[in-house]
Amino acid sequence: MLGNFGKFDNGTICFIKQTDGGFDDNGNGIEALQTESQTYPCHIVVNTNSKKGKNEDGRFQVCSYEIYMDKINIDADIVKLTREDKFLGKFEIQTIIPSKLLNRIKIFV
């Protein structure tokens, strides 16, 4: 770990890179594939957590998070988050911002 943040990390993040599906030369479908990275320690902060959503099929939950972690190169659009051994879900990456002060990156999902 680059910084001394380990004691503040409360979860893990795994990056998921997805390849697009499509069709081969014969018109047969090609399945989209997802490849997961290793897991990395991180600090997860809740931005939004609302269970007030409703649609025709019932209720749904709206969540967004800020994730702080050591700097790495990220080549993925989706993350899988776990906090304190509880799986939070898979989320699309919205923004990645370097935090020079902390020598970490901040990821919004």
N, C-alpha and C. Protein backbone atom coordinates (compact mmCIF):
# COMPACT_ATOMS: atom_id res chain seq x y z
N MET A 1 0.85 -1.18 0.00
CA MET A 1 0.00 0.00 0.00
C MET A 1 0.89 1.24 0.00
N LEU A 2 0.55 2.20 -0.82
CA LEU A 2 1.38 3.38 -0.96
C LEU A 2 1.30 4.31 0.24
N GLY A 3 0.12 4.52 0.75
CA GLY A 3 -0.04 5.43 1.88
C GLY A 3 -0.21 4.64 3.17
N ASN A 4 -0.53 5.35 4.24
CA ASN A 4 -0.78 4.72 5.52
C ASN A 4 -2.28 4.75 5.79
N PHE A 5 -3.06 4.25 4.83
CA PHE A 5 -4.51 4.35 4.92
C PHE A 5 -5.17 3.03 5.27
N GLY A 6 -4.39 1.96 5.39
CA GLY A 6 -4.95 0.63 5.59
C GLY A 6 -5.94 0.55 6.73
N LYS A 7 -5.66 1.25 7.81
CA LYS A 7 -6.57 1.18 8.96
C LYS A 7 -7.90 1.88 8.70
N PHE A 8 -7.95 2.72 7.67
CA PHE A 8 -9.19 3.41 7.32
C PHE A 8 -9.98 2.68 6.24
N ASP A 9 -9.35 1.73 5.55
CA ASP A 9 -10.04 1.00 4.50
C ASP A 9 -11.11 0.11 5.13
N ASN A 10 -12.32 0.18 4.57
CA ASN A 10 -13.43 -0.58 5.13
C ASN A 10 -14.05 -1.55 4.13
N GLY A 11 -13.39 -1.72 2.97
CA GLY A 11 -13.97 -2.61 1.98
C GLY A 11 -12.97 -3.00 0.92
N THR A 12 -13.51 -3.65 -0.11
CA THR A 12 -12.69 -4.05 -1.26
C THR A 12 -13.42 -3.67 -2.54
N ILE A 13 -12.61 -3.48 -3.59
CA ILE A 13 -13.14 -3.16 -4.91
C ILE A 13 -12.52 -4.12 -5.91
N CYS A 14 -13.32 -4.54 -6.86
CA CYS A 14 -12.86 -5.41 -7.93
C CYS A 14 -13.33 -4.77 -9.23
N PHE A 15 -12.45 -4.65 -10.21
CA PHE A 15 -12.78 -4.02 -11.48
C PHE A 15 -13.21 -5.07 -12.49
N ILE A 16 -14.25 -4.77 -13.23
CA ILE A 16 -14.78 -5.71 -14.21
C ILE A 16 -14.67 -5.08 -15.59
N LYS A 17 -13.92 -5.74 -16.45
CA LYS A 17 -13.79 -5.29 -17.84
C LYS A 17 -14.70 -6.17 -18.69
N GLN A 18 -15.51 -5.52 -19.49
CA GLN A 18 -16.48 -6.24 -20.31
C GLN A 18 -16.14 -6.09 -21.79
N THR A 19 -16.11 -7.22 -22.48
CA THR A 19 -15.93 -7.18 -23.93
C THR A 19 -17.31 -7.25 -24.56
N ASP A 20 -17.50 -6.50 -25.62
CA ASP A 20 -18.79 -6.49 -26.29
C ASP A 20 -19.04 -7.80 -27.00
N GLY A 21 -20.28 -8.20 -27.00
CA GLY A 21 -20.69 -9.35 -27.79
C GLY A 21 -20.89 -8.91 -29.22
N GLY A 22 -21.54 -9.72 -29.98
CA GLY A 22 -21.80 -9.35 -31.37
C GLY A 22 -22.10 -10.58 -32.19
N PHE A 23 -21.69 -10.53 -33.44
CA PHE A 23 -21.95 -11.64 -34.35
C PHE A 23 -20.67 -11.98 -35.11
N ASP A 24 -20.47 -13.28 -35.35
CA ASP A 24 -19.32 -13.69 -36.16
C ASP A 24 -19.67 -13.59 -37.64
N ASP A 25 -18.76 -14.01 -38.51
CA ASP A 25 -18.95 -13.90 -39.95
C ASP A 25 -20.14 -14.72 -40.46
N ASN A 26 -20.55 -15.73 -39.70
CA ASN A 26 -21.68 -16.58 -40.11
C ASN A 26 -23.01 -16.11 -39.50
N GLY A 27 -22.98 -15.02 -38.75
CA GLY A 27 -24.20 -14.49 -38.15
C GLY A 27 -24.54 -15.11 -36.80
N ASN A 28 -23.63 -15.94 -36.27
CA ASN A 28 -23.86 -16.55 -34.96
C ASN A 28 -23.50 -15.55 -33.87
N GLY A 29 -24.29 -15.56 -32.81
CA GLY A 29 -24.06 -14.64 -31.70
C GLY A 29 -22.77 -14.94 -30.95
N ILE A 30 -22.06 -13.87 -30.55
CA ILE A 30 -20.87 -13.99 -29.71
C ILE A 30 -21.21 -13.37 -28.37
N GLU A 31 -21.06 -14.17 -27.33
CA GLU A 31 -21.43 -13.72 -25.98
C GLU A 31 -20.45 -12.66 -25.46
N ALA A 32 -20.98 -11.65 -24.79
CA ALA A 32 -20.13 -10.66 -24.12
C ALA A 32 -19.47 -11.34 -22.92
N LEU A 33 -18.21 -11.03 -22.69
CA LEU A 33 -17.46 -11.64 -21.60
C LEU A 33 -17.08 -10.59 -20.57
N GLN A 34 -17.09 -11.00 -19.31
CA GLN A 34 -16.65 -10.13 -18.23
C GLN A 34 -15.43 -10.75 -17.56
N THR A 35 -14.38 -9.94 -17.38
CA THR A 35 -13.16 -10.39 -16.72
C THR A 35 -12.96 -9.55 -15.47
N GLU A 36 -12.78 -10.23 -14.32
CA GLU A 36 -12.60 -9.53 -13.06
C GLU A 36 -11.12 -9.40 -12.71
N SER A 37 -10.77 -8.25 -12.14
CA SER A 37 -9.41 -8.03 -11.66
C SER A 37 -9.27 -8.67 -10.28
N GLN A 38 -8.09 -8.53 -9.73
CA GLN A 38 -7.92 -8.90 -8.33
C GLN A 38 -8.70 -7.91 -7.48
N THR A 39 -8.88 -8.20 -6.20
CA THR A 39 -9.55 -7.25 -5.31
C THR A 39 -8.50 -6.35 -4.68
N TYR A 40 -8.91 -5.10 -4.43
CA TYR A 40 -8.03 -4.10 -3.83
C TYR A 40 -8.71 -3.53 -2.60
N PRO A 41 -7.95 -3.25 -1.54
CA PRO A 41 -8.54 -2.59 -0.37
C PRO A 41 -8.91 -1.15 -0.72
N CYS A 42 -9.98 -0.68 -0.11
CA CYS A 42 -10.43 0.69 -0.38
C CYS A 42 -11.27 1.20 0.78
N HIS A 43 -11.55 2.49 0.73
CA HIS A 43 -12.43 3.11 1.71
C HIS A 43 -13.70 3.53 0.97
N ILE A 44 -14.84 3.02 1.40
CA ILE A 44 -16.13 3.26 0.73
C ILE A 44 -16.97 4.20 1.58
N VAL A 45 -17.46 5.27 0.94
CA VAL A 45 -18.32 6.25 1.59
C VAL A 45 -19.65 6.28 0.84
N VAL A 46 -20.75 6.23 1.57
CA VAL A 46 -22.07 6.29 0.95
C VAL A 46 -22.38 7.73 0.53
N ASN A 47 -22.74 7.91 -0.72
CA ASN A 47 -23.19 9.20 -1.23
C ASN A 47 -24.71 9.28 -1.14
N THR A 48 -25.36 8.26 -1.67
CA THR A 48 -26.83 8.18 -1.70
C THR A 48 -27.23 6.75 -1.38
N ASN A 49 -28.24 6.60 -0.54
CA ASN A 49 -28.81 5.28 -0.28
C ASN A 49 -30.29 5.48 0.03
N SER A 50 -31.11 5.34 -0.98
CA SER A 50 -32.54 5.60 -0.84
C SER A 50 -33.33 4.37 -1.25
N LYS A 51 -34.25 3.97 -0.40
CA LYS A 51 -35.13 2.84 -0.71
C LYS A 51 -36.53 3.33 -1.09
N LYS A 52 -36.63 4.59 -1.51
CA LYS A 52 -37.92 5.19 -1.81
C LYS A 52 -38.35 5.02 -3.26
N GLY A 53 -37.51 4.40 -4.07
CA GLY A 53 -37.84 4.25 -5.48
C GLY A 53 -39.00 3.30 -5.70
N LYS A 54 -39.89 3.66 -6.65
CA LYS A 54 -41.03 2.81 -7.00
C LYS A 54 -41.12 2.71 -8.51
N ASN A 55 -41.53 1.57 -8.98
CA ASN A 55 -41.87 1.41 -10.38
C ASN A 55 -43.03 0.43 -10.48
N GLU A 56 -43.41 0.05 -11.67
CA GLU A 56 -44.57 -0.83 -11.84
C GLU A 56 -44.38 -2.20 -11.19
N ASP A 57 -43.14 -2.65 -11.09
CA ASP A 57 -42.86 -3.97 -10.53
C ASP A 57 -42.63 -3.96 -9.03
N GLY A 58 -42.65 -2.80 -8.41
CA GLY A 58 -42.42 -2.73 -6.98
C GLY A 58 -41.42 -1.65 -6.61
N ARG A 59 -40.69 -1.88 -5.53
CA ARG A 59 -39.73 -0.90 -5.03
C ARG A 59 -38.32 -1.25 -5.50
N PHE A 60 -37.47 -0.22 -5.52
CA PHE A 60 -36.06 -0.44 -5.81
C PHE A 60 -35.22 0.51 -4.98
N GLN A 61 -33.94 0.20 -4.88
CA GLN A 61 -33.03 0.99 -4.07
C GLN A 61 -32.06 1.75 -4.98
N VAL A 62 -31.83 3.02 -4.65
CA VAL A 62 -30.88 3.84 -5.39
C VAL A 62 -29.67 4.08 -4.49
N CYS A 63 -28.46 3.71 -4.99
CA CYS A 63 -27.24 3.87 -4.22
C CYS A 63 -26.16 4.52 -5.07
N SER A 64 -25.34 5.33 -4.44
CA SER A 64 -24.12 5.82 -5.08
C SER A 64 -23.05 5.91 -4.00
N TYR A 65 -21.80 5.71 -4.43
CA TYR A 65 -20.70 5.65 -3.47
C TYR A 65 -19.51 6.44 -3.98
N GLU A 66 -18.66 6.88 -3.03
CA GLU A 66 -17.33 7.39 -3.31
C GLU A 66 -16.36 6.34 -2.79
N ILE A 67 -15.37 6.00 -3.61
CA ILE A 67 -14.39 5.01 -3.22
C ILE A 67 -13.00 5.65 -3.27
N TYR A 68 -12.25 5.52 -2.21
CA TYR A 68 -10.87 6.01 -2.14
C TYR A 68 -9.93 4.81 -2.10
N MET A 69 -8.94 4.83 -2.98
CA MET A 69 -7.99 3.72 -3.02
C MET A 69 -6.64 4.19 -3.55
N ASP A 70 -5.62 3.35 -3.36
CA ASP A 70 -4.30 3.67 -3.90
C ASP A 70 -4.38 3.79 -5.41
N LYS A 71 -3.48 4.60 -5.96
CA LYS A 71 -3.48 4.84 -7.41
C LYS A 71 -3.08 3.58 -8.17
N ILE A 72 -3.91 3.22 -9.15
CA ILE A 72 -3.59 2.16 -10.10
C ILE A 72 -4.16 2.59 -11.45
N ASN A 73 -3.73 1.93 -12.51
CA ASN A 73 -4.33 2.16 -13.82
C ASN A 73 -5.62 1.37 -13.91
N ILE A 74 -6.69 2.02 -14.29
CA ILE A 74 -8.00 1.38 -14.35
C ILE A 74 -8.45 1.32 -15.80
N ASP A 75 -8.73 0.11 -16.25
CA ASP A 75 -9.22 -0.12 -17.60
C ASP A 75 -10.51 -0.93 -17.51
N ALA A 76 -11.50 -0.35 -16.86
CA ALA A 76 -12.78 -1.03 -16.66
C ALA A 76 -13.88 0.01 -16.53
N ASP A 77 -15.10 -0.43 -16.74
CA ASP A 77 -16.26 0.45 -16.62
C ASP A 77 -17.16 0.09 -15.45
N ILE A 78 -16.93 -1.09 -14.88
CA ILE A 78 -17.81 -1.60 -13.82
C ILE A 78 -16.96 -2.01 -12.63
N VAL A 79 -17.48 -1.80 -11.42
CA VAL A 79 -16.81 -2.25 -10.21
C VAL A 79 -17.75 -3.12 -9.40
N LYS A 80 -17.15 -3.99 -8.59
CA LYS A 80 -17.90 -4.81 -7.64
C LYS A 80 -17.41 -4.40 -6.27
N LEU A 81 -18.33 -3.97 -5.41
CA LEU A 81 -17.95 -3.44 -4.09
C LEU A 81 -18.41 -4.37 -2.96
N THR A 82 -17.52 -4.51 -1.98
CA THR A 82 -17.83 -5.24 -0.75
C THR A 82 -17.36 -4.36 0.41
N ARG A 83 -18.23 -4.17 1.40
CA ARG A 83 -17.85 -3.39 2.58
C ARG A 83 -18.15 -4.21 3.82
N GLU A 84 -17.11 -4.36 4.64
CA GLU A 84 -17.23 -5.12 5.89
C GLU A 84 -17.90 -6.47 5.64
N ASP A 85 -17.40 -7.20 4.63
CA ASP A 85 -17.87 -8.54 4.25
C ASP A 85 -19.31 -8.58 3.74
N LYS A 86 -19.90 -7.43 3.40
CA LYS A 86 -21.24 -7.40 2.82
C LYS A 86 -21.13 -6.94 1.36
N PHE A 87 -21.64 -7.77 0.46
CA PHE A 87 -21.61 -7.43 -0.96
C PHE A 87 -22.60 -6.30 -1.21
N LEU A 88 -22.10 -5.17 -1.75
CA LEU A 88 -22.95 -4.01 -2.01
C LEU A 88 -23.56 -4.04 -3.41
N GLY A 89 -22.84 -4.65 -4.36
CA GLY A 89 -23.37 -4.75 -5.71
C GLY A 89 -22.33 -4.40 -6.76
N LYS A 90 -22.79 -4.41 -8.01
CA LYS A 90 -21.98 -4.00 -9.16
C LYS A 90 -22.47 -2.64 -9.60
N PHE A 91 -21.52 -1.74 -9.91
CA PHE A 91 -21.85 -0.37 -10.25
C PHE A 91 -21.01 0.10 -11.43
N GLU A 92 -21.57 0.97 -12.23
CA GLU A 92 -20.85 1.57 -13.34
C GLU A 92 -20.03 2.74 -12.83
N ILE A 93 -18.79 2.84 -13.27
CA ILE A 93 -17.91 3.95 -12.88
C ILE A 93 -18.41 5.22 -13.55
N GLN A 94 -18.62 6.27 -12.76
CA GLN A 94 -19.05 7.57 -13.28
C GLN A 94 -17.86 8.49 -13.55
N THR A 95 -16.97 8.59 -12.56
CA THR A 95 -15.82 9.50 -12.65
C THR A 95 -14.68 8.96 -11.80
N ILE A 96 -13.46 9.22 -12.26
CA ILE A 96 -12.26 8.90 -11.48
C ILE A 96 -11.45 10.19 -11.35
N ILE A 97 -11.15 10.58 -10.11
CA ILE A 97 -10.44 11.83 -9.85
C ILE A 97 -9.21 11.53 -9.00
N PRO A 98 -8.03 11.98 -9.43
CA PRO A 98 -6.85 11.80 -8.58
C PRO A 98 -6.90 12.77 -7.40
N SER A 99 -6.53 12.28 -6.24
CA SER A 99 -6.44 13.12 -5.04
C SER A 99 -4.97 13.27 -4.69
N LYS A 100 -4.35 14.36 -5.14
CA LYS A 100 -2.92 14.56 -4.93
C LYS A 100 -2.58 14.69 -3.46
N LEU A 101 -3.45 15.28 -2.70
CA LEU A 101 -3.20 15.47 -1.28
C LEU A 101 -3.06 14.13 -0.55
N LEU A 102 -3.92 13.17 -0.91
CA LEU A 102 -3.90 11.87 -0.25
C LEU A 102 -3.07 10.84 -0.99
N ASN A 103 -2.60 11.17 -2.20
CA ASN A 103 -1.89 10.23 -3.05
C ASN A 103 -2.75 8.99 -3.33
N ARG A 104 -4.03 9.23 -3.50
CA ARG A 104 -5.00 8.18 -3.79
C ARG A 104 -5.87 8.65 -4.95
N ILE A 105 -6.77 7.79 -5.40
CA ILE A 105 -7.76 8.20 -6.38
C ILE A 105 -9.14 8.08 -5.75
N LYS A 106 -10.05 8.91 -6.25
CA LYS A 106 -11.44 8.89 -5.80
C LYS A 106 -12.28 8.45 -6.98
N ILE A 107 -13.07 7.40 -6.78
CA ILE A 107 -13.93 6.87 -7.84
C ILE A 107 -15.37 7.08 -7.42
N PHE A 108 -16.16 7.66 -8.32
CA PHE A 108 -17.59 7.83 -8.07
C PHE A 108 -18.36 6.76 -8.84
N VAL A 109 -19.25 6.06 -8.15
CA VAL A 109 -20.13 5.09 -8.81
C VAL A 109 -21.55 5.35 -8.40
